Amino acid sequence: MKSPYQILDRPIITERANILSESKKNPQYVLKVNIDANKIEIKKAIEAAYNVKVATINTVVVKGKLKRQGRYQGHRSDYKKAFVTLEKGQKLELI
């Protein structure tokens, strides 16, 4: 099995992610994870790394953008985002 830190990359800190995490009814946290990881591996990694109980996980693969520098062009890498919902009463300290 992979280490939790091989699966979890970093938290994604954006306006939308902050709004989701501050929700009173159903807070969600957004993390960048390894693109090869599945939901079960992500759940086990979060529970091991942060000592919390995970209720649900939703994932999405974000396609890399096309970038140009003059006449040269390239692509940013694809990555996977995980939207994590914790059990009632649990809180995740990312920062």
PDB file of N, CA and C in Angstrom:
ATOM      1  N   MET A   1       0.838  -1.194   0.000  1.00  0.00           N
ATOM      2  CA  MET A   1       0.000   0.000   0.000  1.00  0.00           C
ATOM      3  C   MET A   1       0.874   1.247   0.000  1.00  0.00           C
ATOM      4  N   LYS A   2       0.398   2.261  -0.667  1.00  0.00           N
ATOM      5  CA  LYS A   2       1.124   3.521  -0.729  1.00  0.00           C
ATOM      6  C   LYS A   2       0.994   4.280   0.593  1.00  0.00           C
ATOM      7  N   SER A   3       1.966   5.118   0.849  1.00  0.00           N
ATOM      8  CA  SER A   3       1.921   6.001   1.997  1.00  0.00           C
ATOM      9  C   SER A   3       0.835   7.058   1.775  1.00  0.00           C
ATOM     10  N   PRO A   4       0.182   7.548   2.835  1.00  0.00           N
ATOM     11  CA  PRO A   4      -0.829   8.601   2.648  1.00  0.00           C
ATOM     12  C   PRO A   4      -0.262   9.841   1.961  1.00  0.00           C
ATOM     13  N   TYR A   5       1.027  10.084   2.166  1.00  0.00           N
ATOM     14  CA  TYR A   5       1.621  11.293   1.597  1.00  0.00           C
ATOM     15  C   TYR A   5       2.010  11.099   0.134  1.00  0.00           C
ATOM     16  N   GLN A   6       1.953   9.869  -0.381  1.00  0.00           N
ATOM     17  CA  GLN A   6       2.116   9.633  -1.814  1.00  0.00           C
ATOM     18  C   GLN A   6       0.793   9.844  -2.529  1.00  0.00           C
ATOM     19  N   ILE A   7      -0.302   9.713  -1.819  1.00  0.00           N
ATOM     20  CA  ILE A   7      -1.630   9.884  -2.409  1.00  0.00           C
ATOM     21  C   ILE A   7      -2.097  11.333  -2.298  1.00  0.00           C
ATOM     22  N   LEU A   8      -1.946  11.936  -1.123  1.00  0.00           N
ATOM     23  CA  LEU A   8      -2.384  13.317  -0.898  1.00  0.00           C
ATOM     24  C   LEU A   8      -1.276  14.272  -1.305  1.00  0.00           C
ATOM     25  N   ASP A   9      -1.606  15.253  -2.137  1.00  0.00           N
ATOM     26  CA  ASP A   9      -0.598  16.206  -2.582  1.00  0.00           C
ATOM     27  C   ASP A   9      -0.652  17.478  -1.752  1.00  0.00           C
ATOM     28  N   ARG A  10      -1.766  18.202  -1.835  1.00  0.00           N
ATOM     29  CA  ARG A  10      -1.878  19.467  -1.110  1.00  0.00           C
ATOM     30  C   ARG A  10      -3.337  19.901  -1.099  1.00  0.00           C
ATOM     31  N   PRO A  11      -3.721  20.772  -0.159  1.00  0.00           N
ATOM     32  CA  PRO A  11      -5.077  21.328  -0.207  1.00  0.00           C
ATOM     33  C   PRO A  11      -5.179  22.367  -1.309  1.00  0.00           C
ATOM     34  N   ILE A  12      -6.345  22.471  -1.882  1.00  0.00           N
ATOM     35  CA  ILE A  12      -6.607  23.501  -2.886  1.00  0.00           C
ATOM     36  C   ILE A  12      -7.308  24.648  -2.171  1.00  0.00           C
ATOM     37  N   ILE A  13      -6.689  25.816  -2.189  1.00  0.00           N
ATOM     38  CA  ILE A  13      -7.201  26.967  -1.465  1.00  0.00           C
ATOM     39  C   ILE A  13      -7.649  28.013  -2.477  1.00  0.00           C
ATOM     40  N   THR A  14      -8.947  28.037  -2.708  1.00  0.00           N
ATOM     41  CA  THR A  14      -9.556  29.012  -3.602  1.00  0.00           C
ATOM     42  C   THR A  14     -10.786  29.579  -2.896  1.00  0.00           C
ATOM     43  N   GLU A  15     -11.431  30.547  -3.519  1.00  0.00           N
ATOM     44  CA  GLU A  15     -12.639  31.111  -2.935  1.00  0.00           C
ATOM     45  C   GLU A  15     -13.718  30.055  -2.794  1.00  0.00           C
ATOM     46  N   ARG A  16     -13.888  29.263  -3.840  1.00  0.00           N
ATOM     47  CA  ARG A  16     -14.921  28.231  -3.832  1.00  0.00           C
ATOM     48  C   ARG A  16     -14.630  27.186  -2.754  1.00  0.00           C
ATOM     49  N   ALA A  17     -13.377  26.784  -2.618  1.00  0.00           N
ATOM     50  CA  ALA A  17     -13.007  25.797  -1.608  1.00  0.00           C
ATOM     51  C   ALA A  17     -13.246  26.343  -0.201  1.00  0.00           C
ATOM     52  N   ASN A  18     -12.966  27.619   0.025  1.00  0.00           N
ATOM     53  CA  ASN A  18     -13.213  28.229   1.335  1.00  0.00           C
ATOM     54  C   ASN A  18     -14.704  28.283   1.653  1.00  0.00           C
ATOM     55  N   ILE A  19     -15.517  28.600   0.654  1.00  0.00           N
ATOM     56  CA  ILE A  19     -16.967  28.640   0.851  1.00  0.00           C
ATOM     57  C   ILE A  19     -17.487  27.249   1.197  1.00  0.00           C
ATOM     58  N   LEU A  20     -16.980  26.221   0.497  1.00  0.00           N
ATOM     59  CA  LEU A  20     -17.406  24.847   0.773  1.00  0.00           C
ATOM     60  C   LEU A  20     -17.007  24.405   2.174  1.00  0.00           C
ATOM     61  N   SER A  21     -15.815  24.782   2.621  1.00  0.00           N
ATOM     62  CA  SER A  21     -15.342  24.333   3.930  1.00  0.00           C
ATOM     63  C   SER A  21     -16.016  25.068   5.081  1.00  0.00           C
ATOM     64  N   GLU A  22     -16.536  26.258   4.847  1.00  0.00           N
ATOM     65  CA  GLU A  22     -17.179  27.037   5.901  1.00  0.00           C
ATOM     66  C   GLU A  22     -18.682  26.820   5.977  1.00  0.00           C
ATOM     67  N   SER A  23     -19.198  25.919   5.150  1.00  0.00           N
ATOM     68  CA  SER A  23     -20.621  25.627   5.157  1.00  0.00           C
ATOM     69  C   SER A  23     -21.028  25.020   6.493  1.00  0.00           C
ATOM     70  N   LYS A  24     -22.117  25.496   7.073  1.00  0.00           N
ATOM     71  CA  LYS A  24     -22.583  25.000   8.374  1.00  0.00           C
ATOM     72  C   LYS A  24     -23.258  23.638   8.234  1.00  0.00           C
ATOM     73  N   LYS A  25     -23.976  23.438   7.141  1.00  0.00           N
ATOM     74  CA  LYS A  25     -24.773  22.230   6.982  1.00  0.00           C
ATOM     75  C   LYS A  25     -23.929  21.020   6.587  1.00  0.00           C
ATOM     76  N   ASN A  26     -23.068  21.186   5.581  1.00  0.00           N
ATOM     77  CA  ASN A  26     -22.335  20.044   5.045  1.00  0.00           C
ATOM     78  C   ASN A  26     -20.964  20.504   4.548  1.00  0.00           C
ATOM     79  N   PRO A  27     -19.991  20.721   5.455  1.00  0.00           N
ATOM     80  CA  PRO A  27     -18.689  21.230   5.005  1.00  0.00           C
ATOM     81  C   PRO A  27     -17.919  20.206   4.177  1.00  0.00           C
ATOM     82  N   GLN A  28     -17.288  20.690   3.096  1.00  0.00           N
ATOM     83  CA  GLN A  28     -16.463  19.855   2.232  1.00  0.00           C
ATOM     84  C   GLN A  28     -15.086  20.491   2.129  1.00  0.00           C
ATOM     85  N   TYR A  29     -14.077  19.637   1.988  1.00  0.00           N
ATOM     86  CA  TYR A  29     -12.702  20.096   1.846  1.00  0.00           C
ATOM     87  C   TYR A  29     -12.186  19.621   0.507  1.00  0.00           C
ATOM     88  N   VAL A  30     -11.368  20.452  -0.163  1.00  0.00           N
ATOM     89  CA  VAL A  30     -10.879  20.149  -1.501  1.00  0.00           C
ATOM     90  C   VAL A  30      -9.377  19.905  -1.427  1.00  0.00           C
ATOM     91  N   LEU A  31      -8.951  18.744  -1.946  1.00  0.00           N
ATOM     92  CA  LEU A  31      -7.547  18.360  -1.926  1.00  0.00           C
ATOM     93  C   LEU A  31      -7.107  17.941  -3.322  1.00  0.00           C
ATOM     94  N   LYS A  32      -5.857  18.244  -3.648  1.00  0.00           N
ATOM     95  CA  LYS A  32      -5.255  17.729  -4.867  1.00  0.00           C
ATOM     96  C   LYS A  32      -4.633  16.386  -4.510  1.00  0.00           C
ATOM     97  N   VAL A  33      -4.951  15.350  -5.293  1.00  0.00           N
ATOM     98  CA  VAL A  33      -4.488  13.998  -4.989  1.00  0.00           C
ATOM     99  C   VAL A  33      -3.797  13.399  -6.205  1.00  0.00           C
ATOM    100  N   ASN A  34      -3.145  12.256  -5.989  1.00  0.00           N
ATOM    101  CA  ASN A  34      -2.483  11.532  -7.068  1.00  0.00           C
ATOM    102  C   ASN A  34      -3.520  11.129  -8.109  1.00  0.00           C
ATOM    103  N   ILE A  35      -3.200  11.299  -9.386  1.00  0.00           N
ATOM    104  CA  ILE A  35      -4.165  11.053 -10.452  1.00  0.00           C
ATOM    105  C   ILE A  35      -4.526   9.573 -10.569  1.00  0.00           C
ATOM    106  N   ASP A  36      -3.665   8.684 -10.071  1.00  0.00           N
ATOM    107  CA  ASP A  36      -3.933   7.249 -10.145  1.00  0.00           C
ATOM    108  C   ASP A  36      -4.704   6.716  -8.942  1.00  0.00           C
ATOM    109  N   ALA A  37      -4.909   7.524  -7.925  1.00  0.00           N
ATOM    110  CA  ALA A  37      -5.561   7.062  -6.699  1.00  0.00           C
ATOM    111  C   ALA A  37      -7.070   6.960  -6.905  1.00  0.00           C
ATOM    112  N   ASN A  38      -7.676   5.924  -6.296  1.00  0.00           N
ATOM    113  CA  ASN A  38      -9.128   5.799  -6.347  1.00  0.00           C
ATOM    114  C   ASN A  38      -9.731   6.292  -5.036  1.00  0.00           C
ATOM    115  N   LYS A  39     -11.066   6.272  -4.947  1.00  0.00           N
ATOM    116  CA  LYS A  39     -11.740   6.842  -3.782  1.00  0.00           C
ATOM    117  C   LYS A  39     -11.408   6.098  -2.495  1.00  0.00           C
ATOM    118  N   ILE A  40     -11.256   4.790  -2.574  1.00  0.00           N
ATOM    119  CA  ILE A  40     -10.956   4.005  -1.377  1.00  0.00           C
ATOM    120  C   ILE A  40      -9.569   4.354  -0.848  1.00  0.00           C
ATOM    121  N   GLU A  41      -8.590   4.459  -1.735  1.00  0.00           N
ATOM    122  CA  GLU A  41      -7.236   4.829  -1.312  1.00  0.00           C
ATOM    123  C   GLU A  41      -7.205   6.237  -0.729  1.00  0.00           C
ATOM    124  N   ILE A  42      -7.941   7.158  -1.348  1.00  0.00           N
ATOM    125  CA  ILE A  42      -7.988   8.536  -0.864  1.00  0.00           C
ATOM    126  C   ILE A  42      -8.606   8.586   0.528  1.00  0.00           C
ATOM    127  N   LYS A  43      -9.694   7.841   0.734  1.00  0.00           N
ATOM    128  CA  LYS A  43     -10.358   7.813   2.044  1.00  0.00           C
ATOM    129  C   LYS A  43      -9.418   7.279   3.122  1.00  0.00           C
ATOM    130  N   LYS A  44      -8.732   6.181   2.852  1.00  0.00           N
ATOM    131  CA  LYS A  44      -7.813   5.609   3.835  1.00  0.00           C
ATOM    132  C   LYS A  44      -6.646   6.552   4.128  1.00  0.00           C
ATOM    133  N   ALA A  45      -6.153   7.245   3.089  1.00  0.00           N
ATOM    134  CA  ALA A  45      -5.036   8.173   3.271  1.00  0.00           C
ATOM    135  C   ALA A  45      -5.441   9.360   4.137  1.00  0.00           C
ATOM    136  N   ILE A  46      -6.628   9.908   3.923  1.00  0.00           N
ATOM    137  CA  ILE A  46      -7.097  11.051   4.709  1.00  0.00           C
ATOM    138  C   ILE A  46      -7.320  10.639   6.165  1.00  0.00           C
ATOM    139  N   GLU A  47      -7.928   9.475   6.363  1.00  0.00           N
ATOM    140  CA  GLU A  47      -8.172   9.011   7.723  1.00  0.00           C
ATOM    141  C   GLU A  47      -6.868   8.734   8.466  1.00  0.00           C
ATOM    142  N   ALA A  48      -5.850   8.231   7.754  1.00  0.00           N
ATOM    143  CA  ALA A  48      -4.565   7.947   8.395  1.00  0.00           C
ATOM    144  C   ALA A  48      -3.773   9.222   8.669  1.00  0.00           C
ATOM    145  N   ALA A  49      -3.793  10.171   7.737  1.00  0.00           N
ATOM    146  CA  ALA A  49      -2.975  11.374   7.864  1.00  0.00           C
ATOM    147  C   ALA A  49      -3.561  12.388   8.844  1.00  0.00           C
ATOM    148  N   TYR A  50      -4.896  12.523   8.870  1.00  0.00           N
ATOM    149  CA  TYR A  50      -5.517  13.585   9.658  1.00  0.00           C
ATOM    150  C   TYR A  50      -6.316  13.080  10.863  1.00  0.00           C
ATOM    151  N   ASN A  51      -6.448  11.757  11.054  1.00  0.00           N
ATOM    152  CA  ASN A  51      -7.200  11.173  12.171  1.00  0.00           C
ATOM    153  C   ASN A  51      -8.643  11.676  12.233  1.00  0.00           C
ATOM    154  N   VAL A  52      -9.352  11.592  11.114  1.00  0.00           N
ATOM    155  CA  VAL A  52     -10.761  11.967  11.027  1.00  0.00           C
ATOM    156  C   VAL A  52     -11.518  10.833  10.345  1.00  0.00           C
ATOM    157  N   LYS A  53     -12.850  10.867  10.425  1.00  0.00           N
ATOM    158  CA  LYS A  53     -13.701   9.890   9.751  1.00  0.00           C
ATOM    159  C   LYS A  53     -14.309  10.542   8.512  1.00  0.00           C
ATOM    160  N   VAL A  54     -14.129   9.914   7.365  1.00  0.00           N
ATOM    161  CA  VAL A  54     -14.616  10.445   6.097  1.00  0.00           C
ATOM    162  C   VAL A  54     -15.973   9.827   5.787  1.00  0.00           C
ATOM    163  N   ALA A  55     -16.948  10.671   5.410  1.00  0.00           N
ATOM    164  CA  ALA A  55     -18.273  10.188   5.037  1.00  0.00           C
ATOM    165  C   ALA A  55     -18.313   9.863   3.543  1.00  0.00           C
ATOM    166  N   THR A  56     -18.007  10.839   2.697  1.00  0.00           N
ATOM    167  CA  THR A  56     -18.040  10.624   1.250  1.00  0.00           C
ATOM    168  C   THR A  56     -16.879  11.338   0.582  1.00  0.00           C
ATOM    169  N   ILE A  57     -16.561  10.860  -0.624  1.00  0.00           N
ATOM    170  CA  ILE A  57     -15.535  11.490  -1.452  1.00  0.00           C
ATOM    171  C   ILE A  57     -16.046  11.565  -2.877  1.00  0.00           C
ATOM    172  N   ASN A  58     -15.943  12.735  -3.469  1.00  0.00           N
ATOM    173  CA  ASN A  58     -16.225  12.919  -4.889  1.00  0.00           C
ATOM    174  C   ASN A  58     -14.935  13.356  -5.553  1.00  0.00           C
ATOM    175  N   THR A  59     -14.659  12.804  -6.735  1.00  0.00           N
ATOM    176  CA  THR A  59     -13.416  13.140  -7.431  1.00  0.00           C
ATOM    177  C   THR A  59     -13.720  13.674  -8.823  1.00  0.00           C
ATOM    178  N   VAL A  60     -12.789  14.476  -9.325  1.00  0.00           N
ATOM    179  CA  VAL A  60     -12.881  14.993 -10.682  1.00  0.00           C
ATOM    180  C   VAL A  60     -11.462  15.130 -11.226  1.00  0.00           C
ATOM    181  N   VAL A  61     -11.268  14.752 -12.481  1.00  0.00           N
ATOM    182  CA  VAL A  61      -9.976  14.915 -13.134  1.00  0.00           C
ATOM    183  C   VAL A  61     -10.015  16.218 -13.914  1.00  0.00           C
ATOM    184  N   VAL A  62      -9.112  17.129 -13.574  1.00  0.00           N
ATOM    185  CA  VAL A  62      -9.033  18.433 -14.219  1.00  0.00           C
ATOM    186  C   VAL A  62      -8.005  18.332 -15.345  1.00  0.00           C
ATOM    187  N   LYS A  63      -8.435  18.636 -16.544  1.00  0.00           N
ATOM    188  CA  LYS A  63      -7.547  18.562 -17.700  1.00  0.00           C
ATOM    189  C   LYS A  63      -6.632  19.794 -17.725  1.00  0.00           C
ATOM    190  N   GLY A  64      -5.370  19.580 -18.088  1.00  0.00           N
ATOM    191  CA  GLY A  64      -4.400  20.664 -18.148  1.00  0.00           C
ATOM    192  C   GLY A  64      -4.682  21.617 -19.297  1.00  0.00           C
ATOM    193  N   LYS A  65      -4.390  22.875 -19.075  1.00  0.00           N
ATOM    194  CA  LYS A  65      -4.644  23.899 -20.089  1.00  0.00           C
ATOM    195  C   LYS A  65      -3.516  23.952 -21.104  1.00  0.00           C
ATOM    196  N   LEU A  66      -3.835  24.408 -22.305  1.00  0.00           N
ATOM    197  CA  LEU A  66      -2.842  24.673 -23.328  1.00  0.00           C
ATOM    198  C   LEU A  66      -2.211  26.028 -23.032  1.00  0.00           C
ATOM    199  N   LYS A  67      -0.908  26.088 -22.974  1.00  0.00           N
ATOM    200  CA  LYS A  67      -0.192  27.331 -22.690  1.00  0.00           C
ATOM    201  C   LYS A  67       0.780  27.625 -23.818  1.00  0.00           C
ATOM    202  N   ARG A  68       0.928  28.900 -24.147  1.00  0.00           N
ATOM    203  CA  ARG A  68       1.816  29.328 -25.225  1.00  0.00           C
ATOM    204  C   ARG A  68       2.800  30.357 -24.722  1.00  0.00           C
ATOM    205  N   GLN A  69       4.003  30.299 -25.270  1.00  0.00           N
ATOM    206  CA  GLN A  69       5.027  31.298 -25.013  1.00  0.00           C
ATOM    207  C   GLN A  69       5.597  31.646 -26.385  1.00  0.00           C
ATOM    208  N   GLY A  70       5.053  32.699 -26.983  1.00  0.00           N
ATOM    209  CA  GLY A  70       5.474  33.030 -28.339  1.00  0.00           C
ATOM    210  C   GLY A  70       5.014  31.958 -29.307  1.00  0.00           C
ATOM    211  N   ARG A  71       5.953  31.388 -30.058  1.00  0.00           N
ATOM    212  CA  ARG A  71       5.564  30.354 -31.023  1.00  0.00           C
ATOM    213  C   ARG A  71       5.614  28.950 -30.426  1.00  0.00           C
ATOM    214  N   TYR A  72       6.035  28.823 -29.174  1.00  0.00           N
ATOM    215  CA  TYR A  72       6.106  27.523 -28.518  1.00  0.00           C
ATOM    216  C   TYR A  72       4.854  27.292 -27.691  1.00  0.00           C
ATOM    217  N   GLN A  73       4.404  26.073 -27.692  1.00  0.00           N
ATOM    218  CA  GLN A  73       3.237  25.759 -26.882  1.00  0.00           C
ATOM    219  C   GLN A  73       3.424  24.437 -26.166  1.00  0.00           C
ATOM    220  N   GLY A  74       2.669  24.284 -25.095  1.00  0.00           N
ATOM    221  CA  GLY A  74       2.740  23.068 -24.298  1.00  0.00           C
ATOM    222  C   GLY A  74       1.479  22.933 -23.475  1.00  0.00           C
ATOM    223  N   HIS A  75       1.401  21.872 -22.709  1.00  0.00           N
ATOM    224  CA  HIS A  75       0.241  21.608 -21.868  1.00  0.00           C
ATOM    225  C   HIS A  75       0.662  21.548 -20.411  1.00  0.00           C
ATOM    226  N   ARG A  76      -0.193  22.051 -19.546  1.00  0.00           N
ATOM    227  CA  ARG A  76      -0.023  21.801 -18.123  1.00  0.00           C
ATOM    228  C   ARG A  76      -0.469  20.374 -17.850  1.00  0.00           C
ATOM    229  N   SER A  77       0.000  19.805 -16.774  1.00  0.00           N
ATOM    230  CA  SER A  77      -0.345  18.432 -16.431  1.00  0.00           C
ATOM    231  C   SER A  77      -1.792  18.335 -15.961  1.00  0.00           C
ATOM    232  N   ASP A  78      -2.430  17.187 -16.235  1.00  0.00           N
ATOM    233  CA  ASP A  78      -3.738  16.895 -15.670  1.00  0.00           C
ATOM    234  C   ASP A  78      -3.563  16.583 -14.188  1.00  0.00           C
ATOM    235  N   TYR A  79      -4.610  16.823 -13.395  1.00  0.00           N
ATOM    236  CA  TYR A  79      -4.564  16.464 -11.986  1.00  0.00           C
ATOM    237  C   TYR A  79      -5.954  16.085 -11.503  1.00  0.00           C
ATOM    238  N   LYS A  80      -5.996  15.457 -10.334  1.00  0.00           N
ATOM    239  CA  LYS A  80      -7.260  14.998  -9.763  1.00  0.00           C
ATOM    240  C   LYS A  80      -7.557  15.787  -8.497  1.00  0.00           C
ATOM    241  N   LYS A  81      -8.826  16.227  -8.369  1.00  0.00           N
ATOM    242  CA  LYS A  81      -9.291  16.909  -7.170  1.00  0.00           C
ATOM    243  C   LYS A  81     -10.242  15.977  -6.431  1.00  0.00           C
ATOM    244  N   ALA A  82     -10.151  15.981  -5.115  1.00  0.00           N
ATOM    245  CA  ALA A  82     -11.051  15.202  -4.276  1.00  0.00           C
ATOM    246  C   ALA A  82     -11.832  16.152  -3.382  1.00  0.00           C
ATOM    247  N   PHE A  83     -13.156  16.045  -3.426  1.00  0.00           N
ATOM    248  CA  PHE A  83     -14.035  16.803  -2.553  1.00  0.00           C
ATOM    249  C   PHE A  83     -14.422  15.873  -1.406  1.00  0.00           C
ATOM    250  N   VAL A  84     -13.951  16.186  -0.196  1.00  0.00           N
ATOM    251  CA  VAL A  84     -14.082  15.294   0.955  1.00  0.00           C
ATOM    252  C   VAL A  84     -15.136  15.837   1.911  1.00  0.00           C
ATOM    253  N   THR A  85     -16.113  14.989   2.245  1.00  0.00           N
ATOM    254  CA  THR A  85     -17.110  15.315   3.251  1.00  0.00           C
ATOM    255  C   THR A  85     -16.840  14.438   4.464  1.00  0.00           C
ATOM    256  N   LEU A  86     -16.730  15.062   5.628  1.00  0.00           N
ATOM    257  CA  LEU A  86     -16.434  14.344   6.860  1.00  0.00           C
ATOM    258  C   LEU A  86     -17.715  14.001   7.604  1.00  0.00           C
ATOM    259  N   GLU A  87     -17.587  13.079   8.576  1.00  0.00           N
ATOM    260  CA  GLU A  87     -18.711  12.728   9.446  1.00  0.00           C
ATOM    261  C   GLU A  87     -19.088  13.947  10.292  1.00  0.00           C
ATOM    262  N   LYS A  88     -20.286  13.913  10.868  1.00  0.00           N
ATOM    263  CA  LYS A  88     -20.752  15.007  11.728  1.00  0.00           C
ATOM    264  C   LYS A  88     -19.799  15.210  12.895  1.00  0.00           C
ATOM    265  N   GLY A  89     -19.485  16.453  13.187  1.00  0.00           N
ATOM    266  CA  GLY A  89     -18.628  16.776  14.324  1.00  0.00           C
ATOM    267  C   GLY A  89     -17.144  16.708  14.033  1.00  0.00           C
ATOM    268  N   GLN A  90     -16.743  16.261  12.852  1.00  0.00           N
ATOM    269  CA  GLN A  90     -15.331  16.176  12.474  1.00  0.00           C
ATOM    270  C   GLN A  90     -14.908  17.477  11.794  1.00  0.00           C
ATOM    271  N   LYS A  91     -13.649  17.831  11.958  1.00  0.00           N
ATOM    272  CA  LYS A  91     -13.116  19.029  11.331  1.00  0.00           C
ATOM    273  C   LYS A  91     -11.714  18.740  10.836  1.00  0.00           C
ATOM    274  N   LEU A  92     -11.366  19.284   9.694  1.00  0.00           N
ATOM    275  CA  LEU A  92     -10.056  19.049   9.089  1.00  0.00           C
ATOM    276  C   LEU A  92      -9.268  20.338   9.121  1.00  0.00           C
ATOM    277  N   GLU A  93      -8.117  20.328   9.776  1.00  0.00           N
ATOM    278  CA  GLU A  93      -7.232  21.489   9.863  1.00  0.00           C
ATOM    279  C   GLU A  93      -6.196  21.392   8.758  1.00  0.00           C
ATOM    280  N   LEU A  94      -6.397  22.113   7.659  1.00  0.00           N
ATOM    281  CA  LEU A  94      -5.492  22.035   6.520  1.00  0.00           C
ATOM    282  C   LEU A  94      -4.375  23.059   6.597  1.00  0.00           C
ATOM    283  N   ILE A  95      -4.653  24.208   7.212  1.00  0.00           N
ATOM    284  CA  ILE A  95      -3.657  25.268   7.247  1.00  0.00           C
ATOM    285  C   ILE A  95      -3.252  25.520   8.680  1.00  0.00           C
TER     286      ILE A  95
END
